[in-house]
Amino acid sequence: MGKITIEIEIYNQNHQAAVRLGCMTYDKIAKMKTNVIVDSGCGHQLILIQEDVNKLKINQIKRTTARLANGSIANGHIYEPVQLRLVLQHGDSEDHVIHRDCIVEPVAFEGGNKRLLGVIALEQMALDLDVTNQRLFPNSGSDIPLYDI
């Protein structure tokens, strides 16, 4: 078994709405690019660290607790929705690229130092994980179209 780490882009969803309404310009959207660990045991869609929350300028909407893999309980905060985007190479050809987006409510745990992408977000993007070969791939039963670029 291996660990899958991927690069994702995260955008402040409220800022994107403000751009669509003409209240903000695109270059003002709070966004970031970062690496996350894909965690099939993660009960949340996306776990960020507090520094990311500050950079994305998102507000807390409620509190939560979770039991961690080591059995301890962690206190956390659920934040306003963000758009998550990832780009994956599909197949052996560099010409085949998959773009996937979804809207998630990220969580940050007090003292947390890891960024995790949960299996629920993968399901929303119709992606499966192959831990042995350390890759993500499109769910064959998905009705989400693949984009070849």
N, C-alpha and C. Protein backbone atom coordinates (compact mmCIF):
# COMPACT_ATOMS: atom_id res chain seq x y z
N MET A 1 0.84 -1.18 0.00
CA MET A 1 0.00 0.00 0.00
C MET A 1 0.88 1.24 0.00
N GLY A 2 0.42 2.25 -0.68
CA GLY A 2 1.19 3.47 -0.76
C GLY A 2 0.38 4.68 -0.36
N LYS A 3 1.00 5.82 -0.42
CA LYS A 3 0.35 7.08 -0.08
C LYS A 3 0.21 7.88 -1.37
N ILE A 4 -0.97 8.44 -1.58
CA ILE A 4 -1.22 9.26 -2.76
C ILE A 4 -1.22 10.72 -2.35
N THR A 5 -0.36 11.50 -2.96
CA THR A 5 -0.33 12.95 -2.76
C THR A 5 -0.59 13.61 -4.11
N ILE A 6 -1.52 14.56 -4.13
CA ILE A 6 -1.84 15.25 -5.38
C ILE A 6 -1.83 16.76 -5.15
N GLU A 7 -1.70 17.48 -6.23
CA GLU A 7 -1.78 18.94 -6.16
C GLU A 7 -3.20 19.36 -6.50
N ILE A 8 -3.74 20.27 -5.70
CA ILE A 8 -5.07 20.81 -5.95
C ILE A 8 -5.02 22.33 -5.93
N GLU A 9 -6.03 22.92 -6.54
CA GLU A 9 -6.24 24.36 -6.45
C GLU A 9 -7.51 24.57 -5.64
N ILE A 10 -7.51 25.58 -4.78
CA ILE A 10 -8.66 25.87 -3.93
C ILE A 10 -9.02 27.35 -4.12
N TYR A 11 -10.31 27.62 -4.32
CA TYR A 11 -10.80 28.97 -4.56
C TYR A 11 -11.89 29.32 -3.56
N ASN A 12 -11.89 30.56 -3.06
CA ASN A 12 -12.94 31.05 -2.19
C ASN A 12 -14.23 31.14 -3.01
N GLN A 13 -15.23 30.34 -2.65
CA GLN A 13 -16.48 30.26 -3.40
C GLN A 13 -17.26 31.56 -3.35
N ASN A 14 -17.24 32.25 -2.20
CA ASN A 14 -17.95 33.53 -2.10
C ASN A 14 -17.33 34.58 -3.02
N HIS A 15 -16.01 34.57 -3.12
CA HIS A 15 -15.34 35.51 -4.02
C HIS A 15 -15.71 35.22 -5.47
N GLN A 16 -15.80 33.94 -5.83
CA GLN A 16 -16.20 33.59 -7.19
C GLN A 16 -17.61 34.09 -7.49
N ALA A 17 -18.51 33.97 -6.52
CA ALA A 17 -19.87 34.48 -6.70
C ALA A 17 -19.85 36.00 -6.87
N ALA A 18 -19.01 36.68 -6.12
CA ALA A 18 -18.90 38.14 -6.24
C ALA A 18 -18.41 38.54 -7.62
N VAL A 19 -17.52 37.76 -8.21
CA VAL A 19 -17.05 38.03 -9.57
C VAL A 19 -18.21 37.88 -10.55
N ARG A 20 -18.98 36.80 -10.40
CA ARG A 20 -20.13 36.57 -11.31
C ARG A 20 -21.15 37.70 -11.21
N LEU A 21 -21.28 38.29 -10.02
CA LEU A 21 -22.23 39.38 -9.81
C LEU A 21 -21.66 40.75 -10.20
N GLY A 22 -20.39 40.78 -10.58
CA GLY A 22 -19.75 42.03 -10.97
C GLY A 22 -19.28 42.87 -9.81
N CYS A 23 -19.21 42.29 -8.61
CA CYS A 23 -18.81 43.04 -7.41
C CYS A 23 -17.31 42.94 -7.13
N MET A 24 -16.61 42.08 -7.86
CA MET A 24 -15.18 41.84 -7.61
C MET A 24 -14.54 41.44 -8.93
N THR A 25 -13.27 41.72 -9.08
CA THR A 25 -12.55 41.27 -10.26
C THR A 25 -11.89 39.92 -9.98
N TYR A 26 -11.69 39.14 -11.03
CA TYR A 26 -11.17 37.78 -10.90
C TYR A 26 -9.83 37.75 -10.16
N ASP A 27 -8.98 38.73 -10.42
CA ASP A 27 -7.65 38.73 -9.80
C ASP A 27 -7.69 38.92 -8.28
N LYS A 28 -8.84 39.29 -7.73
CA LYS A 28 -8.98 39.48 -6.28
C LYS A 28 -9.47 38.22 -5.56
N ILE A 29 -9.82 37.17 -6.29
CA ILE A 29 -10.29 35.93 -5.67
C ILE A 29 -9.19 35.34 -4.81
N ALA A 30 -9.52 35.03 -3.56
CA ALA A 30 -8.56 34.33 -2.69
C ALA A 30 -8.46 32.89 -3.17
N LYS A 31 -7.24 32.46 -3.47
CA LYS A 31 -7.02 31.11 -4.00
C LYS A 31 -5.64 30.64 -3.61
N MET A 32 -5.45 29.34 -3.74
CA MET A 32 -4.14 28.78 -3.44
C MET A 32 -3.98 27.45 -4.16
N LYS A 33 -2.75 27.05 -4.32
CA LYS A 33 -2.40 25.74 -4.89
C LYS A 33 -1.57 25.04 -3.82
N THR A 34 -1.89 23.77 -3.56
CA THR A 34 -1.19 23.04 -2.51
C THR A 34 -1.24 21.54 -2.76
N ASN A 35 -0.39 20.80 -2.10
CA ASN A 35 -0.42 19.35 -2.15
C ASN A 35 -1.24 18.83 -0.98
N VAL A 36 -2.03 17.79 -1.24
CA VAL A 36 -2.83 17.14 -0.21
C VAL A 36 -2.60 15.64 -0.27
N ILE A 37 -2.79 14.99 0.87
CA ILE A 37 -2.76 13.53 0.92
C ILE A 37 -4.18 13.04 0.72
N VAL A 38 -4.36 12.09 -0.20
CA VAL A 38 -5.67 11.48 -0.41
C VAL A 38 -5.84 10.44 0.69
N ASP A 39 -6.91 10.61 1.49
CA ASP A 39 -7.12 9.75 2.65
C ASP A 39 -8.49 9.09 2.56
N SER A 40 -8.51 7.81 2.23
CA SER A 40 -9.78 7.10 2.06
C SER A 40 -10.51 6.91 3.39
N GLY A 41 -9.84 7.13 4.50
CA GLY A 41 -10.46 7.00 5.81
C GLY A 41 -10.92 8.33 6.38
N CYS A 42 -10.74 9.39 5.65
CA CYS A 42 -11.08 10.72 6.13
C CYS A 42 -12.59 10.95 6.02
N GLY A 43 -13.23 11.26 7.15
CA GLY A 43 -14.67 11.46 7.17
C GLY A 43 -15.10 12.84 6.71
N HIS A 44 -14.16 13.72 6.40
CA HIS A 44 -14.48 15.06 5.91
C HIS A 44 -14.05 15.16 4.45
N GLN A 45 -14.60 16.15 3.74
CA GLN A 45 -14.28 16.32 2.33
C GLN A 45 -12.86 16.83 2.13
N LEU A 46 -12.47 17.82 2.93
CA LEU A 46 -11.17 18.45 2.78
C LEU A 46 -10.72 18.98 4.13
N ILE A 47 -9.51 18.63 4.53
CA ILE A 47 -8.95 19.15 5.77
C ILE A 47 -7.78 20.06 5.42
N LEU A 48 -7.84 21.27 5.93
CA LEU A 48 -6.80 22.27 5.69
C LEU A 48 -6.12 22.61 7.01
N ILE A 49 -5.04 23.36 6.91
CA ILE A 49 -4.42 23.89 8.12
C ILE A 49 -4.86 25.36 8.27
N GLN A 50 -4.71 25.91 9.46
CA GLN A 50 -5.22 27.25 9.74
C GLN A 50 -4.63 28.30 8.80
N GLU A 51 -3.38 28.15 8.42
CA GLU A 51 -2.74 29.08 7.48
C GLU A 51 -3.50 29.14 6.16
N ASP A 52 -4.00 27.99 5.69
CA ASP A 52 -4.76 27.94 4.44
C ASP A 52 -6.08 28.69 4.59
N VAL A 53 -6.75 28.49 5.72
CA VAL A 53 -8.03 29.16 5.98
C VAL A 53 -7.83 30.67 5.93
N ASN A 54 -6.76 31.14 6.53
CA ASN A 54 -6.47 32.58 6.53
C ASN A 54 -6.20 33.08 5.12
N LYS A 55 -5.44 32.32 4.35
CA LYS A 55 -5.11 32.73 2.99
C LYS A 55 -6.36 32.77 2.10
N LEU A 56 -7.27 31.82 2.32
CA LEU A 56 -8.49 31.75 1.51
C LEU A 56 -9.57 32.73 1.97
N LYS A 57 -9.37 33.34 3.13
CA LYS A 57 -10.30 34.34 3.67
C LYS A 57 -11.71 33.78 3.83
N ILE A 58 -11.80 32.58 4.40
CA ILE A 58 -13.10 31.95 4.62
C ILE A 58 -13.45 31.99 6.10
N ASN A 59 -14.73 32.10 6.39
CA ASN A 59 -15.21 32.23 7.76
C ASN A 59 -15.72 30.90 8.31
N GLN A 60 -15.57 30.75 9.60
CA GLN A 60 -16.09 29.56 10.28
C GLN A 60 -17.61 29.59 10.26
N ILE A 61 -18.23 28.42 9.98
CA ILE A 61 -19.69 28.36 10.05
C ILE A 61 -20.18 27.49 11.20
N LYS A 62 -19.35 26.55 11.67
CA LYS A 62 -19.71 25.76 12.85
C LYS A 62 -18.49 25.01 13.36
N ARG A 63 -18.65 24.43 14.55
CA ARG A 63 -17.58 23.66 15.17
C ARG A 63 -17.86 22.18 14.98
N THR A 64 -16.80 21.37 15.09
CA THR A 64 -16.95 19.92 14.96
C THR A 64 -15.88 19.23 15.81
N THR A 65 -16.07 17.96 16.03
CA THR A 65 -15.04 17.13 16.66
C THR A 65 -14.88 15.88 15.81
N ALA A 66 -13.72 15.28 15.92
CA ALA A 66 -13.47 14.05 15.14
C ALA A 66 -12.53 13.15 15.93
N ARG A 67 -12.70 11.86 15.73
CA ARG A 67 -11.77 10.89 16.30
C ARG A 67 -10.69 10.66 15.25
N LEU A 68 -9.44 10.89 15.63
CA LEU A 68 -8.31 10.74 14.71
C LEU A 68 -7.87 9.28 14.63
N ALA A 69 -7.00 8.99 13.68
CA ALA A 69 -6.53 7.61 13.47
C ALA A 69 -5.85 7.05 14.72
N ASN A 70 -5.23 7.92 15.52
CA ASN A 70 -4.56 7.44 16.74
C ASN A 70 -5.52 7.29 17.92
N GLY A 71 -6.81 7.55 17.69
CA GLY A 71 -7.82 7.38 18.74
C GLY A 71 -8.14 8.63 19.52
N SER A 72 -7.34 9.67 19.36
CA SER A 72 -7.59 10.91 20.11
C SER A 72 -8.74 11.70 19.47
N ILE A 73 -9.30 12.61 20.25
CA ILE A 73 -10.38 13.48 19.78
C ILE A 73 -9.79 14.85 19.46
N ALA A 74 -10.15 15.39 18.30
CA ALA A 74 -9.65 16.71 17.90
C ALA A 74 -10.83 17.66 17.71
N ASN A 75 -10.67 18.90 18.15
CA ASN A 75 -11.66 19.95 17.94
C ASN A 75 -11.33 20.66 16.65
N GLY A 76 -12.37 20.98 15.90
CA GLY A 76 -12.13 21.65 14.63
C GLY A 76 -13.22 22.63 14.28
N HIS A 77 -13.05 23.27 13.14
CA HIS A 77 -13.99 24.27 12.65
C HIS A 77 -14.32 23.94 11.20
N ILE A 78 -15.59 24.02 10.87
CA ILE A 78 -16.03 23.86 9.48
C ILE A 78 -16.18 25.26 8.91
N TYR A 79 -15.69 25.45 7.70
CA TYR A 79 -15.64 26.77 7.09
C TYR A 79 -16.56 26.88 5.88
N GLU A 80 -16.73 28.12 5.42
CA GLU A 80 -17.54 28.40 4.24
C GLU A 80 -17.04 27.57 3.05
N PRO A 81 -17.93 27.28 2.11
CA PRO A 81 -17.54 26.44 0.97
C PRO A 81 -16.43 27.04 0.12
N VAL A 82 -15.62 26.14 -0.41
CA VAL A 82 -14.57 26.50 -1.36
C VAL A 82 -14.73 25.62 -2.59
N GLN A 83 -14.21 26.08 -3.71
CA GLN A 83 -14.18 25.24 -4.91
C GLN A 83 -12.82 24.56 -4.95
N LEU A 84 -12.86 23.28 -5.16
CA LEU A 84 -11.66 22.47 -5.23
C LEU A 84 -11.51 22.01 -6.67
N ARG A 85 -10.32 22.16 -7.23
CA ARG A 85 -10.07 21.78 -8.62
C ARG A 85 -8.80 20.95 -8.69
N LEU A 86 -8.87 19.88 -9.45
CA LEU A 86 -7.66 19.11 -9.69
C LEU A 86 -7.58 18.72 -11.15
N VAL A 87 -6.36 18.54 -11.60
CA VAL A 87 -6.07 18.17 -12.97
C VAL A 87 -5.23 16.90 -12.92
N LEU A 88 -5.70 15.85 -13.60
CA LEU A 88 -5.01 14.57 -13.59
C LEU A 88 -4.69 14.12 -15.00
N GLN A 89 -3.55 13.51 -15.15
CA GLN A 89 -3.22 12.86 -16.43
C GLN A 89 -3.94 11.53 -16.43
N HIS A 90 -4.60 11.19 -17.55
CA HIS A 90 -5.35 9.94 -17.66
C HIS A 90 -4.73 9.10 -18.78
N GLY A 91 -4.31 7.92 -18.45
CA GLY A 91 -3.70 7.06 -19.46
C GLY A 91 -2.23 7.36 -19.62
N ASP A 92 -1.65 6.75 -20.64
CA ASP A 92 -0.22 6.88 -20.87
C ASP A 92 0.16 8.13 -21.65
N SER A 93 -0.79 8.71 -22.34
CA SER A 93 -0.50 9.86 -23.18
C SER A 93 -0.58 11.15 -22.38
N GLU A 94 0.39 12.03 -22.60
CA GLU A 94 0.36 13.34 -21.94
C GLU A 94 -0.74 14.22 -22.51
N ASP A 95 -1.35 13.79 -23.62
CA ASP A 95 -2.42 14.56 -24.24
C ASP A 95 -3.77 14.36 -23.54
N HIS A 96 -3.88 13.35 -22.70
CA HIS A 96 -5.15 13.06 -22.03
C HIS A 96 -5.11 13.57 -20.60
N VAL A 97 -5.88 14.61 -20.36
CA VAL A 97 -5.91 15.26 -19.06
C VAL A 97 -7.36 15.33 -18.58
N ILE A 98 -7.57 15.07 -17.30
CA ILE A 98 -8.90 15.12 -16.70
C ILE A 98 -8.95 16.32 -15.76
N HIS A 99 -9.99 17.12 -15.92
CA HIS A 99 -10.24 18.24 -15.01
C HIS A 99 -11.43 17.88 -14.14
N ARG A 100 -11.31 18.05 -12.84
CA ARG A 100 -12.41 17.77 -11.93
C ARG A 100 -12.56 18.92 -10.94
N ASP A 101 -13.81 19.28 -10.68
CA ASP A 101 -14.12 20.34 -9.73
C ASP A 101 -15.22 19.86 -8.79
N CYS A 102 -15.23 20.37 -7.58
CA CYS A 102 -16.36 20.17 -6.68
C CYS A 102 -16.33 21.27 -5.62
N ILE A 103 -17.48 21.46 -4.99
CA ILE A 103 -17.61 22.43 -3.91
C ILE A 103 -17.61 21.66 -2.60
N VAL A 104 -16.77 22.06 -1.66
CA VAL A 104 -16.66 21.37 -0.37
C VAL A 104 -16.65 22.38 0.77
N GLU A 105 -17.01 21.91 1.95
CA GLU A 105 -16.86 22.70 3.17
C GLU A 105 -15.61 22.19 3.88
N PRO A 106 -14.52 22.94 3.83
CA PRO A 106 -13.28 22.47 4.47
C PRO A 106 -13.35 22.52 5.99
N VAL A 107 -12.52 21.72 6.61
CA VAL A 107 -12.39 21.66 8.06
C VAL A 107 -10.94 21.94 8.41
N ALA A 108 -10.72 22.66 9.50
CA ALA A 108 -9.37 22.84 10.04
C ALA A 108 -9.43 22.46 11.51
N PHE A 109 -8.51 21.58 11.93
CA PHE A 109 -8.47 21.14 13.32
C PHE A 109 -7.44 21.94 14.09
N GLU A 110 -7.75 22.21 15.34
CA GLU A 110 -6.84 22.97 16.20
C GLU A 110 -5.52 22.23 16.30
N GLY A 111 -4.44 22.89 15.94
CA GLY A 111 -3.11 22.28 15.97
C GLY A 111 -2.83 21.37 14.79
N GLY A 112 -3.75 21.30 13.83
CA GLY A 112 -3.58 20.42 12.68
C GLY A 112 -2.43 20.86 11.79
N ASN A 113 -1.72 19.88 11.22
CA ASN A 113 -0.57 20.21 10.36
C ASN A 113 -0.57 19.41 9.06
N LYS A 114 -1.71 18.78 8.73
CA LYS A 114 -1.79 18.01 7.49
C LYS A 114 -2.99 18.44 6.66
N ARG A 115 -2.79 18.42 5.36
CA ARG A 115 -3.87 18.68 4.42
C ARG A 115 -4.32 17.33 3.86
N LEU A 116 -5.63 17.04 4.00
CA LEU A 116 -6.15 15.76 3.56
C LEU A 116 -7.35 15.96 2.64
N LEU A 117 -7.42 15.16 1.60
CA LEU A 117 -8.57 15.12 0.71
C LEU A 117 -9.31 13.83 1.00
N GLY A 118 -10.57 13.94 1.43
CA GLY A 118 -11.34 12.78 1.82
C GLY A 118 -12.02 12.09 0.65
N VAL A 119 -12.46 10.87 0.91
CA VAL A 119 -13.06 10.05 -0.14
C VAL A 119 -14.41 10.62 -0.61
N ILE A 120 -15.10 11.38 0.25
CA ILE A 120 -16.37 11.98 -0.17
C ILE A 120 -16.15 12.96 -1.31
N ALA A 121 -15.10 13.77 -1.22
CA ALA A 121 -14.79 14.70 -2.31
C ALA A 121 -14.43 13.94 -3.58
N LEU A 122 -13.71 12.83 -3.43
CA LEU A 122 -13.38 12.01 -4.60
C LEU A 122 -14.64 11.48 -5.26
N GLU A 123 -15.59 11.04 -4.45
CA GLU A 123 -16.85 10.54 -4.99
C GLU A 123 -17.60 11.64 -5.72
N GLN A 124 -17.58 12.86 -5.18
CA GLN A 124 -18.24 13.99 -5.84
C GLN A 124 -17.63 14.26 -7.21
N MET A 125 -16.34 14.00 -7.35
CA MET A 125 -15.64 14.23 -8.62
C MET A 125 -15.58 12.97 -9.48
N ALA A 126 -16.27 11.91 -9.05
CA ALA A 126 -16.31 10.63 -9.78
C ALA A 126 -14.91 10.08 -10.01
N LEU A 127 -14.11 10.08 -8.94
CA LEU A 127 -12.75 9.54 -9.00
C LEU A 127 -12.61 8.38 -8.01
N ASP A 128 -11.85 7.38 -8.41
CA ASP A 128 -11.50 6.26 -7.54
C ASP A 128 -10.02 6.33 -7.27
N LEU A 129 -9.58 5.67 -6.19
CA LEU A 129 -8.16 5.67 -5.91
C LEU A 129 -7.60 4.26 -5.99
N ASP A 130 -6.40 4.19 -6.50
CA ASP A 130 -5.63 2.96 -6.60
C ASP A 130 -4.40 3.18 -5.73
N VAL A 131 -4.49 2.73 -4.46
CA VAL A 131 -3.41 2.99 -3.51
C VAL A 131 -2.15 2.23 -3.89
N THR A 132 -2.30 1.02 -4.42
CA THR A 132 -1.14 0.21 -4.78
C THR A 132 -0.27 0.92 -5.82
N ASN A 133 -0.92 1.49 -6.84
CA ASN A 133 -0.18 2.18 -7.89
C ASN A 133 -0.09 3.69 -7.67
N GLN A 134 -0.57 4.15 -6.53
CA GLN A 134 -0.51 5.55 -6.13
C GLN A 134 -1.05 6.49 -7.20
N ARG A 135 -2.34 6.27 -7.55
CA ARG A 135 -2.95 7.12 -8.57
C ARG A 135 -4.45 7.22 -8.36
N LEU A 136 -5.02 8.28 -8.92
CA LEU A 136 -6.46 8.45 -9.00
C LEU A 136 -6.87 8.19 -10.44
N PHE A 137 -8.09 7.69 -10.62
CA PHE A 137 -8.57 7.45 -11.98
C PHE A 137 -10.08 7.65 -12.02
N PRO A 138 -10.64 7.94 -13.20
CA PRO A 138 -12.07 8.19 -13.31
C PRO A 138 -12.87 6.94 -12.98
N ASN A 139 -13.96 7.13 -12.30
CA ASN A 139 -14.88 6.04 -11.98
C ASN A 139 -15.55 5.62 -13.28
N SER A 140 -15.45 4.36 -13.63
CA SER A 140 -15.97 3.89 -14.93
C SER A 140 -17.49 3.99 -15.00
N GLY A 141 -18.18 4.03 -13.86
CA GLY A 141 -19.63 4.15 -13.87
C GLY A 141 -20.13 5.58 -13.84
N SER A 142 -19.22 6.53 -13.95
CA SER A 142 -19.58 7.94 -13.83
C SER A 142 -20.25 8.46 -15.09
N ASP A 143 -21.18 9.39 -14.89
CA ASP A 143 -21.76 10.08 -16.03
C ASP A 143 -21.13 11.45 -16.24
N ILE A 144 -20.06 11.75 -15.49
CA ILE A 144 -19.33 13.00 -15.68
C ILE A 144 -18.40 12.83 -16.88
N PRO A 145 -18.50 13.72 -17.86
CA PRO A 145 -17.67 13.56 -19.06
C PRO A 145 -16.19 13.79 -18.77
N LEU A 146 -15.36 13.08 -19.49
CA LEU A 146 -13.92 13.30 -19.44
C LEU A 146 -13.55 14.30 -20.52
N TYR A 147 -12.58 15.13 -20.23
CA TYR A 147 -12.15 16.14 -21.18
C TYR A 147 -10.74 15.81 -21.62
N ASP A 148 -10.57 15.59 -22.89
CA ASP A 148 -9.24 15.38 -23.46
C ASP A 148 -8.74 16.72 -23.96
N ILE A 149 -7.54 17.07 -23.55
CA ILE A 149 -6.97 18.35 -23.97
C ILE A 149 -5.70 18.09 -24.74
